[in-house]
Amino acid sequence: MLSVIPFYKDHSFVIAAMSDYRELYDDIAGGLEGVELVYDSPLKVLNGSLAALVTSGTATLETALMGVPQVVCYKAGPISYFIARSLIKVPYISLVNLILEGPAIPELIQRNCNTRAIKDCIDNILPGGLNREDQLAIAAMVGEKLGEPEVSDRLAGLIIKDLRSLG
């Protein structure tokens, strides 16, 4: 993900980091110009962000609910990825795409998660990008689909429904 920084000299990058891995984050991104590390405050990082590069998991849902256009980036070791794909049979890795039952947001997985693809996707979701308005509408759709009360129960139900349909 950090490989795209040179293409966006007029933007700043903020990494929502976890303090349990402070040393790792400092080693990887601590000295990079234009990169700030913010520990244990992912919603603070998302608040006011123009776009986000997100790994799979609840972070994709949080990002959508915050109204931030996103690109899901996921790259694991080949053996880990093979084992995970063998055990987990879902059509998408992001909760947003699972909830909306389609490829609403881009998922760059394994070989497709590379500098060129990430840059192309970012260009499309930044202000003036071809997919920005669609992404903002998608964020609203996720919120509508989940609704206000008992969101976690509905989300769990949607995930279970998707998993059962694959079985």
N, C-alpha and C. Protein backbone atom coordinates (compact mmCIF):
# COMPACT_ATOMS: atom_id res chain seq x y z
N MET A 1 0.82 -1.20 0.00
CA MET A 1 0.00 0.00 0.00
C MET A 1 0.86 1.26 0.00
N LEU A 2 1.96 1.20 0.71
CA LEU A 2 2.84 2.37 0.81
C LEU A 2 3.51 2.72 -0.51
N SER A 3 3.54 1.79 -1.44
CA SER A 3 4.22 2.02 -2.71
C SER A 3 3.56 3.10 -3.56
N VAL A 4 2.33 3.48 -3.25
CA VAL A 4 1.64 4.51 -4.05
C VAL A 4 1.92 5.93 -3.57
N ILE A 5 2.56 6.08 -2.44
CA ILE A 5 2.80 7.41 -1.87
C ILE A 5 3.46 8.38 -2.85
N PRO A 6 4.49 7.98 -3.60
CA PRO A 6 5.13 8.94 -4.51
C PRO A 6 4.19 9.52 -5.57
N PHE A 7 3.09 8.86 -5.86
CA PHE A 7 2.14 9.34 -6.86
C PHE A 7 1.22 10.44 -6.32
N TYR A 8 1.22 10.63 -5.01
CA TYR A 8 0.28 11.56 -4.38
C TYR A 8 1.01 12.54 -3.46
N LYS A 9 1.92 13.29 -4.05
CA LYS A 9 2.73 14.22 -3.27
C LYS A 9 1.90 15.33 -2.62
N ASP A 10 0.73 15.61 -3.17
CA ASP A 10 -0.12 16.66 -2.61
C ASP A 10 -1.13 16.12 -1.59
N HIS A 11 -0.99 14.87 -1.20
CA HIS A 11 -1.86 14.27 -0.19
C HIS A 11 -1.01 13.80 0.99
N SER A 12 -1.64 13.70 2.13
CA SER A 12 -0.95 13.10 3.28
C SER A 12 -1.58 11.73 3.54
N PHE A 13 -0.81 10.87 4.10
CA PHE A 13 -1.25 9.51 4.39
C PHE A 13 -1.23 9.30 5.90
N VAL A 14 -2.29 8.71 6.40
CA VAL A 14 -2.40 8.43 7.82
C VAL A 14 -2.68 6.94 7.97
N ILE A 15 -1.88 6.29 8.77
CA ILE A 15 -2.06 4.86 9.00
C ILE A 15 -2.73 4.66 10.36
N ALA A 16 -3.85 3.96 10.35
CA ALA A 16 -4.53 3.60 11.60
C ALA A 16 -3.80 2.37 12.13
N ALA A 17 -2.90 2.59 13.07
CA ALA A 17 -2.03 1.53 13.57
C ALA A 17 -2.51 1.02 14.92
N MET A 18 -2.04 -0.16 15.27
CA MET A 18 -2.38 -0.75 16.57
C MET A 18 -1.14 -0.71 17.45
N SER A 19 -1.29 -0.20 18.66
CA SER A 19 -0.13 -0.01 19.52
C SER A 19 0.57 -1.33 19.88
N ASP A 20 -0.15 -2.45 19.78
CA ASP A 20 0.49 -3.74 20.04
C ASP A 20 1.60 -4.04 19.03
N TYR A 21 1.56 -3.37 17.90
CA TYR A 21 2.56 -3.60 16.84
C TYR A 21 3.35 -2.33 16.53
N ARG A 22 3.51 -1.47 17.52
CA ARG A 22 4.16 -0.18 17.34
C ARG A 22 5.54 -0.31 16.68
N GLU A 23 6.33 -1.24 17.13
CA GLU A 23 7.68 -1.42 16.60
C GLU A 23 7.64 -1.77 15.10
N LEU A 24 6.72 -2.64 14.73
CA LEU A 24 6.58 -3.03 13.33
C LEU A 24 6.19 -1.83 12.47
N TYR A 25 5.17 -1.08 12.92
CA TYR A 25 4.74 0.10 12.16
C TYR A 25 5.87 1.12 12.05
N ASP A 26 6.59 1.34 13.13
CA ASP A 26 7.70 2.29 13.09
C ASP A 26 8.77 1.84 12.11
N ASP A 27 9.05 0.54 12.08
CA ASP A 27 10.05 0.01 11.14
C ASP A 27 9.62 0.19 9.69
N ILE A 28 8.35 -0.06 9.42
CA ILE A 28 7.87 -0.03 8.05
C ILE A 28 7.59 1.38 7.56
N ALA A 29 6.97 2.20 8.38
CA ALA A 29 6.50 3.50 7.88
C ALA A 29 6.93 4.70 8.73
N GLY A 30 7.61 4.46 9.81
CA GLY A 30 7.95 5.53 10.74
C GLY A 30 8.74 6.67 10.13
N GLY A 31 9.61 6.39 9.20
CA GLY A 31 10.45 7.44 8.64
C GLY A 31 9.98 7.99 7.30
N LEU A 32 8.85 7.56 6.82
CA LEU A 32 8.39 8.00 5.51
C LEU A 32 7.82 9.41 5.55
N GLU A 33 8.25 10.22 4.62
CA GLU A 33 7.74 11.59 4.54
C GLU A 33 6.29 11.58 4.08
N GLY A 34 5.47 12.37 4.74
CA GLY A 34 4.07 12.47 4.38
C GLY A 34 3.20 11.37 4.95
N VAL A 35 3.77 10.57 5.88
CA VAL A 35 3.01 9.48 6.50
C VAL A 35 2.97 9.70 8.00
N GLU A 36 1.77 9.68 8.55
CA GLU A 36 1.58 9.82 9.99
C GLU A 36 1.00 8.51 10.52
N LEU A 37 1.50 8.09 11.65
CA LEU A 37 0.97 6.91 12.33
C LEU A 37 0.08 7.38 13.48
N VAL A 38 -1.17 6.92 13.49
CA VAL A 38 -2.09 7.23 14.58
C VAL A 38 -2.48 5.91 15.20
N TYR A 39 -2.19 5.77 16.49
CA TYR A 39 -2.39 4.49 17.16
C TYR A 39 -3.76 4.40 17.84
N ASP A 40 -4.40 3.25 17.65
CA ASP A 40 -5.61 2.85 18.36
C ASP A 40 -6.79 3.81 18.18
N SER A 41 -6.88 4.45 17.03
CA SER A 41 -7.99 5.38 16.76
C SER A 41 -8.42 5.31 15.30
N PRO A 42 -8.88 4.13 14.83
CA PRO A 42 -9.22 4.02 13.42
C PRO A 42 -10.34 4.96 12.98
N LEU A 43 -11.32 5.19 13.84
CA LEU A 43 -12.41 6.07 13.44
C LEU A 43 -11.95 7.53 13.36
N LYS A 44 -11.01 7.89 14.20
CA LYS A 44 -10.42 9.22 14.12
C LYS A 44 -9.69 9.40 12.78
N VAL A 45 -9.00 8.37 12.35
CA VAL A 45 -8.29 8.43 11.07
C VAL A 45 -9.29 8.55 9.92
N LEU A 46 -10.36 7.79 9.97
CA LEU A 46 -11.34 7.82 8.89
C LEU A 46 -12.10 9.15 8.83
N ASN A 47 -12.34 9.74 9.98
CA ASN A 47 -13.08 10.99 10.02
C ASN A 47 -12.31 12.08 9.26
N GLY A 48 -12.87 12.51 8.17
CA GLY A 48 -12.23 13.53 7.36
C GLY A 48 -11.34 13.00 6.25
N SER A 49 -11.20 11.68 6.13
CA SER A 49 -10.39 11.11 5.06
C SER A 49 -11.12 11.22 3.73
N LEU A 50 -10.38 11.48 2.67
CA LEU A 50 -10.96 11.53 1.33
C LEU A 50 -11.17 10.13 0.76
N ALA A 51 -10.29 9.21 1.13
CA ALA A 51 -10.34 7.84 0.62
C ALA A 51 -9.54 6.97 1.57
N ALA A 52 -9.71 5.66 1.44
CA ALA A 52 -9.01 4.75 2.33
C ALA A 52 -8.60 3.48 1.59
N LEU A 53 -7.43 3.00 1.95
CA LEU A 53 -6.99 1.66 1.57
C LEU A 53 -7.19 0.82 2.83
N VAL A 54 -7.96 -0.26 2.71
CA VAL A 54 -8.40 -0.99 3.88
C VAL A 54 -8.14 -2.47 3.69
N THR A 55 -7.77 -3.13 4.77
CA THR A 55 -7.68 -4.58 4.71
C THR A 55 -9.06 -5.14 5.02
N SER A 56 -9.26 -6.40 4.73
CA SER A 56 -10.59 -6.97 4.93
C SER A 56 -10.93 -7.03 6.41
N GLY A 57 -12.19 -7.27 6.69
CA GLY A 57 -12.65 -7.38 8.07
C GLY A 57 -13.62 -6.26 8.40
N THR A 58 -13.79 -6.05 9.67
CA THR A 58 -14.74 -5.04 10.10
C THR A 58 -14.32 -3.64 9.67
N ALA A 59 -13.04 -3.44 9.38
CA ALA A 59 -12.57 -2.12 8.94
C ALA A 59 -13.27 -1.68 7.66
N THR A 60 -13.60 -2.60 6.78
CA THR A 60 -14.29 -2.21 5.54
C THR A 60 -15.70 -1.71 5.85
N LEU A 61 -16.34 -2.33 6.81
CA LEU A 61 -17.69 -1.91 7.21
C LEU A 61 -17.63 -0.55 7.91
N GLU A 62 -16.69 -0.38 8.82
CA GLU A 62 -16.52 0.91 9.50
C GLU A 62 -16.26 2.02 8.50
N THR A 63 -15.42 1.74 7.52
CA THR A 63 -15.07 2.74 6.52
C THR A 63 -16.30 3.15 5.72
N ALA A 64 -17.09 2.17 5.31
CA ALA A 64 -18.32 2.48 4.56
C ALA A 64 -19.30 3.28 5.42
N LEU A 65 -19.47 2.87 6.66
CA LEU A 65 -20.41 3.57 7.53
C LEU A 65 -19.94 4.99 7.85
N MET A 66 -18.64 5.24 7.74
CA MET A 66 -18.12 6.60 7.93
C MET A 66 -18.24 7.42 6.64
N GLY A 67 -18.70 6.78 5.55
CA GLY A 67 -18.88 7.50 4.29
C GLY A 67 -17.59 7.78 3.55
N VAL A 68 -16.61 6.91 3.72
CA VAL A 68 -15.31 7.11 3.07
C VAL A 68 -15.15 6.10 1.94
N PRO A 69 -14.94 6.57 0.70
CA PRO A 69 -14.67 5.65 -0.40
C PRO A 69 -13.41 4.82 -0.10
N GLN A 70 -13.43 3.56 -0.53
CA GLN A 70 -12.34 2.67 -0.15
C GLN A 70 -11.97 1.67 -1.22
N VAL A 71 -10.76 1.15 -1.05
CA VAL A 71 -10.25 0.04 -1.84
C VAL A 71 -9.78 -1.00 -0.84
N VAL A 72 -10.22 -2.23 -1.01
CA VAL A 72 -9.81 -3.31 -0.11
C VAL A 72 -8.54 -3.94 -0.69
N CYS A 73 -7.51 -3.98 0.14
CA CYS A 73 -6.22 -4.55 -0.26
C CYS A 73 -5.90 -5.71 0.67
N TYR A 74 -5.59 -6.85 0.07
CA TYR A 74 -5.31 -8.03 0.88
C TYR A 74 -4.26 -8.87 0.20
N LYS A 75 -3.15 -9.06 0.92
CA LYS A 75 -2.08 -9.89 0.39
C LYS A 75 -1.50 -10.70 1.54
N ALA A 76 -1.49 -12.00 1.39
CA ALA A 76 -0.95 -12.89 2.42
C ALA A 76 0.09 -13.80 1.77
N GLY A 77 0.79 -14.52 2.58
CA GLY A 77 1.70 -15.52 2.05
C GLY A 77 0.92 -16.54 1.24
N PRO A 78 1.52 -17.09 0.19
CA PRO A 78 0.79 -18.00 -0.69
C PRO A 78 0.18 -19.20 0.03
N ILE A 79 0.88 -19.77 0.98
CA ILE A 79 0.36 -20.94 1.69
C ILE A 79 -0.82 -20.53 2.57
N SER A 80 -0.66 -19.42 3.30
CA SER A 80 -1.75 -18.93 4.16
C SER A 80 -2.99 -18.62 3.33
N TYR A 81 -2.79 -17.98 2.20
CA TYR A 81 -3.92 -17.62 1.34
C TYR A 81 -4.61 -18.88 0.81
N PHE A 82 -3.82 -19.85 0.37
CA PHE A 82 -4.39 -21.10 -0.14
C PHE A 82 -5.22 -21.80 0.93
N ILE A 83 -4.70 -21.88 2.14
CA ILE A 83 -5.42 -22.54 3.23
C ILE A 83 -6.71 -21.78 3.53
N ALA A 84 -6.62 -20.46 3.62
CA ALA A 84 -7.82 -19.66 3.92
C ALA A 84 -8.87 -19.83 2.85
N ARG A 85 -8.48 -19.77 1.58
CA ARG A 85 -9.43 -19.91 0.48
C ARG A 85 -10.03 -21.32 0.43
N SER A 86 -9.27 -22.30 0.87
CA SER A 86 -9.78 -23.68 0.90
C SER A 86 -10.83 -23.86 1.99
N LEU A 87 -10.67 -23.15 3.09
CA LEU A 87 -11.57 -23.30 4.23
C LEU A 87 -12.78 -22.36 4.18
N ILE A 88 -12.57 -21.18 3.65
CA ILE A 88 -13.62 -20.16 3.67
C ILE A 88 -14.13 -19.96 2.26
N LYS A 89 -15.38 -20.29 2.05
CA LYS A 89 -15.97 -20.23 0.72
C LYS A 89 -16.99 -19.09 0.63
N VAL A 90 -16.49 -17.87 0.51
CA VAL A 90 -17.37 -16.72 0.31
C VAL A 90 -16.93 -16.02 -0.97
N PRO A 91 -17.86 -15.37 -1.65
CA PRO A 91 -17.51 -14.76 -2.93
C PRO A 91 -16.67 -13.48 -2.80
N TYR A 92 -16.67 -12.85 -1.63
CA TYR A 92 -15.93 -11.61 -1.42
C TYR A 92 -15.26 -11.66 -0.06
N ILE A 93 -14.24 -10.81 0.11
CA ILE A 93 -13.58 -10.77 1.41
C ILE A 93 -14.01 -9.57 2.25
N SER A 94 -14.61 -8.57 1.62
CA SER A 94 -15.02 -7.40 2.39
C SER A 94 -16.46 -7.56 2.86
N LEU A 95 -16.72 -7.09 4.07
CA LEU A 95 -18.08 -7.16 4.60
C LEU A 95 -19.03 -6.32 3.75
N VAL A 96 -18.55 -5.22 3.20
CA VAL A 96 -19.41 -4.37 2.37
C VAL A 96 -19.94 -5.16 1.18
N ASN A 97 -19.06 -5.85 0.47
CA ASN A 97 -19.49 -6.62 -0.69
C ASN A 97 -20.37 -7.81 -0.30
N LEU A 98 -20.09 -8.41 0.85
CA LEU A 98 -20.93 -9.50 1.33
C LEU A 98 -22.32 -8.99 1.68
N ILE A 99 -22.39 -7.85 2.35
CA ILE A 99 -23.69 -7.29 2.75
C ILE A 99 -24.50 -6.87 1.53
N LEU A 100 -23.83 -6.23 0.57
CA LEU A 100 -24.54 -5.76 -0.63
C LEU A 100 -24.65 -6.83 -1.70
N GLU A 101 -24.08 -8.00 -1.44
CA GLU A 101 -24.20 -9.17 -2.32
C GLU A 101 -23.71 -8.88 -3.74
N GLY A 102 -22.58 -8.20 -3.84
CA GLY A 102 -21.99 -7.92 -5.14
C GLY A 102 -20.72 -7.12 -4.99
N PRO A 103 -20.00 -6.92 -6.10
CA PRO A 103 -18.72 -6.22 -6.06
C PRO A 103 -18.88 -4.69 -5.99
N ALA A 104 -19.40 -4.20 -4.88
CA ALA A 104 -19.66 -2.78 -4.72
C ALA A 104 -18.37 -1.96 -4.58
N ILE A 105 -17.40 -2.51 -3.88
CA ILE A 105 -16.12 -1.83 -3.72
C ILE A 105 -15.02 -2.74 -4.27
N PRO A 106 -13.96 -2.14 -4.81
CA PRO A 106 -12.90 -2.98 -5.39
C PRO A 106 -12.14 -3.76 -4.32
N GLU A 107 -11.85 -5.01 -4.65
CA GLU A 107 -11.04 -5.87 -3.80
C GLU A 107 -9.80 -6.27 -4.60
N LEU A 108 -8.66 -5.85 -4.13
CA LEU A 108 -7.39 -6.21 -4.77
C LEU A 108 -6.75 -7.29 -3.90
N ILE A 109 -6.74 -8.50 -4.44
CA ILE A 109 -6.32 -9.66 -3.65
C ILE A 109 -5.10 -10.32 -4.32
N GLN A 110 -4.14 -10.66 -3.47
CA GLN A 110 -2.92 -11.37 -3.87
C GLN A 110 -2.21 -10.67 -5.05
N ARG A 111 -2.08 -11.32 -6.19
CA ARG A 111 -1.36 -10.74 -7.33
C ARG A 111 -1.96 -9.43 -7.82
N ASN A 112 -3.27 -9.28 -7.66
CA ASN A 112 -3.93 -8.06 -8.10
C ASN A 112 -3.70 -6.89 -7.15
N CYS A 113 -3.12 -7.15 -6.01
CA CYS A 113 -2.81 -6.10 -5.03
C CYS A 113 -1.39 -5.63 -5.31
N ASN A 114 -1.28 -4.72 -6.27
CA ASN A 114 0.02 -4.20 -6.67
C ASN A 114 -0.07 -2.69 -6.85
N THR A 115 1.05 -2.05 -6.98
CA THR A 115 1.11 -0.59 -7.04
C THR A 115 0.21 -0.02 -8.13
N ARG A 116 0.29 -0.53 -9.32
CA ARG A 116 -0.50 0.01 -10.43
C ARG A 116 -2.00 -0.10 -10.16
N ALA A 117 -2.44 -1.28 -9.72
CA ALA A 117 -3.87 -1.50 -9.46
C ALA A 117 -4.36 -0.61 -8.31
N ILE A 118 -3.57 -0.51 -7.26
CA ILE A 118 -3.96 0.34 -6.13
C ILE A 118 -4.07 1.78 -6.58
N LYS A 119 -3.08 2.26 -7.34
CA LYS A 119 -3.11 3.65 -7.83
C LYS A 119 -4.34 3.89 -8.70
N ASP A 120 -4.63 2.98 -9.61
CA ASP A 120 -5.81 3.13 -10.48
C ASP A 120 -7.09 3.23 -9.66
N CYS A 121 -7.20 2.38 -8.65
CA CYS A 121 -8.40 2.40 -7.81
C CYS A 121 -8.49 3.68 -6.98
N ILE A 122 -7.37 4.13 -6.44
CA ILE A 122 -7.37 5.38 -5.68
C ILE A 122 -7.78 6.54 -6.57
N ASP A 123 -7.20 6.60 -7.76
CA ASP A 123 -7.55 7.69 -8.70
C ASP A 123 -9.05 7.73 -8.93
N ASN A 124 -9.68 6.58 -8.97
CA ASN A 124 -11.12 6.51 -9.24
C ASN A 124 -12.00 6.90 -8.06
N ILE A 125 -11.45 6.92 -6.84
CA ILE A 125 -12.29 7.25 -5.69
C ILE A 125 -11.94 8.58 -5.03
N LEU A 126 -10.86 9.20 -5.45
CA LEU A 126 -10.55 10.54 -4.95
C LEU A 126 -11.51 11.55 -5.58
N PRO A 127 -11.65 12.74 -4.99
CA PRO A 127 -12.54 13.75 -5.60
C PRO A 127 -12.24 13.93 -7.09
N GLY A 128 -13.29 13.90 -7.89
CA GLY A 128 -13.15 13.98 -9.34
C GLY A 128 -12.98 12.64 -10.02
N GLY A 129 -12.80 11.57 -9.24
CA GLY A 129 -12.61 10.22 -9.80
C GLY A 129 -13.91 9.64 -10.32
N LEU A 130 -13.78 8.73 -11.27
CA LEU A 130 -14.94 8.13 -11.94
C LEU A 130 -15.88 7.38 -11.00
N ASN A 131 -15.36 6.79 -9.92
CA ASN A 131 -16.19 5.96 -9.05
C ASN A 131 -16.49 6.59 -7.69
N ARG A 132 -16.06 7.82 -7.47
CA ARG A 132 -16.24 8.42 -6.15
C ARG A 132 -17.72 8.53 -5.76
N GLU A 133 -18.55 9.05 -6.64
CA GLU A 133 -19.97 9.22 -6.30
C GLU A 133 -20.64 7.87 -6.06
N ASP A 134 -20.26 6.86 -6.86
CA ASP A 134 -20.80 5.52 -6.64
C ASP A 134 -20.40 5.00 -5.26
N GLN A 135 -19.16 5.23 -4.88
CA GLN A 135 -18.69 4.77 -3.57
C GLN A 135 -19.44 5.48 -2.44
N LEU A 136 -19.70 6.76 -2.59
CA LEU A 136 -20.45 7.49 -1.56
C LEU A 136 -21.88 6.95 -1.47
N ALA A 137 -22.48 6.62 -2.60
CA ALA A 137 -23.82 6.04 -2.61
C ALA A 137 -23.81 4.65 -1.98
N ILE A 138 -22.75 3.89 -2.24
CA ILE A 138 -22.62 2.55 -1.66
C ILE A 138 -22.55 2.64 -0.15
N ALA A 139 -21.80 3.61 0.35
CA ALA A 139 -21.70 3.79 1.81
C ALA A 139 -23.08 4.03 2.40
N ALA A 140 -23.88 4.84 1.75
CA ALA A 140 -25.23 5.11 2.24
C ALA A 140 -26.08 3.85 2.18
N MET A 141 -25.93 3.05 1.12
CA MET A 141 -26.69 1.81 0.98
C MET A 141 -26.38 0.83 2.11
N VAL A 142 -25.11 0.75 2.50
CA VAL A 142 -24.73 -0.15 3.59
C VAL A 142 -25.44 0.28 4.87
N GLY A 143 -25.41 1.57 5.15
CA GLY A 143 -26.08 2.08 6.34
C GLY A 143 -27.57 1.80 6.32
N GLU A 144 -28.20 1.98 5.16
CA GLU A 144 -29.63 1.72 5.03
C GLU A 144 -29.93 0.23 5.22
N LYS A 145 -29.10 -0.62 4.63
CA LYS A 145 -29.35 -2.05 4.71
C LYS A 145 -29.21 -2.56 6.15
N LEU A 146 -28.25 -2.01 6.87
CA LEU A 146 -28.05 -2.45 8.25
C LEU A 146 -29.03 -1.79 9.20
N GLY A 147 -29.42 -0.56 8.90
CA GLY A 147 -30.34 0.15 9.77
C GLY A 147 -29.70 0.57 11.07
N GLU A 148 -30.46 1.21 11.90
CA GLU A 148 -29.94 1.75 13.16
C GLU A 148 -29.88 0.72 14.29
N PRO A 149 -31.03 0.26 14.82
CA PRO A 149 -30.96 -0.60 16.00
C PRO A 149 -30.51 -2.02 15.68
N GLU A 150 -29.82 -2.62 16.61
CA GLU A 150 -29.42 -4.03 16.53
C GLU A 150 -28.64 -4.36 15.25
N VAL A 151 -27.74 -3.46 14.88
CA VAL A 151 -26.96 -3.64 13.66
C VAL A 151 -26.15 -4.93 13.72
N SER A 152 -25.52 -5.21 14.84
CA SER A 152 -24.67 -6.39 14.91
C SER A 152 -25.47 -7.67 14.70
N ASP A 153 -26.70 -7.73 15.22
CA ASP A 153 -27.53 -8.91 15.01
C ASP A 153 -27.87 -9.09 13.54
N ARG A 154 -28.23 -8.00 12.87
CA ARG A 154 -28.57 -8.07 11.44
C ARG A 154 -27.34 -8.43 10.62
N LEU A 155 -26.18 -7.85 10.96
CA LEU A 155 -24.96 -8.17 10.24
C LEU A 155 -24.63 -9.64 10.39
N ALA A 156 -24.71 -10.16 11.59
CA ALA A 156 -24.44 -11.58 11.82
C ALA A 156 -25.40 -12.44 11.01
N GLY A 157 -26.67 -12.04 10.96
CA GLY A 157 -27.66 -12.78 10.18
C GLY A 157 -27.33 -12.80 8.69
N LEU A 158 -26.88 -11.64 8.17
CA LEU A 158 -26.51 -11.57 6.75
C LEU A 158 -25.31 -12.45 6.44
N ILE A 159 -24.33 -12.45 7.33
CA ILE A 159 -23.13 -13.27 7.13
C ILE A 159 -23.50 -14.75 7.18
N ILE A 160 -24.30 -15.13 8.15
CA ILE A 160 -24.72 -16.55 8.26
C ILE A 160 -25.51 -16.96 7.02
N LYS A 161 -26.39 -16.08 6.54
CA LYS A 161 -27.17 -16.38 5.33
C LYS A 161 -26.24 -16.63 4.14
N ASP A 162 -25.22 -15.77 3.98
CA ASP A 162 -24.27 -15.95 2.88
C ASP A 162 -23.48 -17.25 3.03
N LEU A 163 -23.06 -17.54 4.23
CA LEU A 163 -22.29 -18.78 4.44
C LEU A 163 -23.15 -20.02 4.18
N ARG A 164 -24.40 -19.97 4.58
CA ARG A 164 -25.29 -21.13 4.34
C ARG A 164 -25.58 -21.32 2.86
N SER A 165 -25.69 -20.22 2.13
CA SER A 165 -25.99 -20.34 0.72
C SER A 165 -24.82 -20.97 -0.05
N LEU A 166 -23.63 -20.91 0.52
CA LEU A 166 -22.46 -21.50 -0.14
C LEU A 166 -22.32 -22.99 0.17
N GLY A 167 -22.91 -23.41 1.27
CA GLY A 167 -22.75 -24.79 1.74
C GLY A 167 -23.47 -25.74 0.92
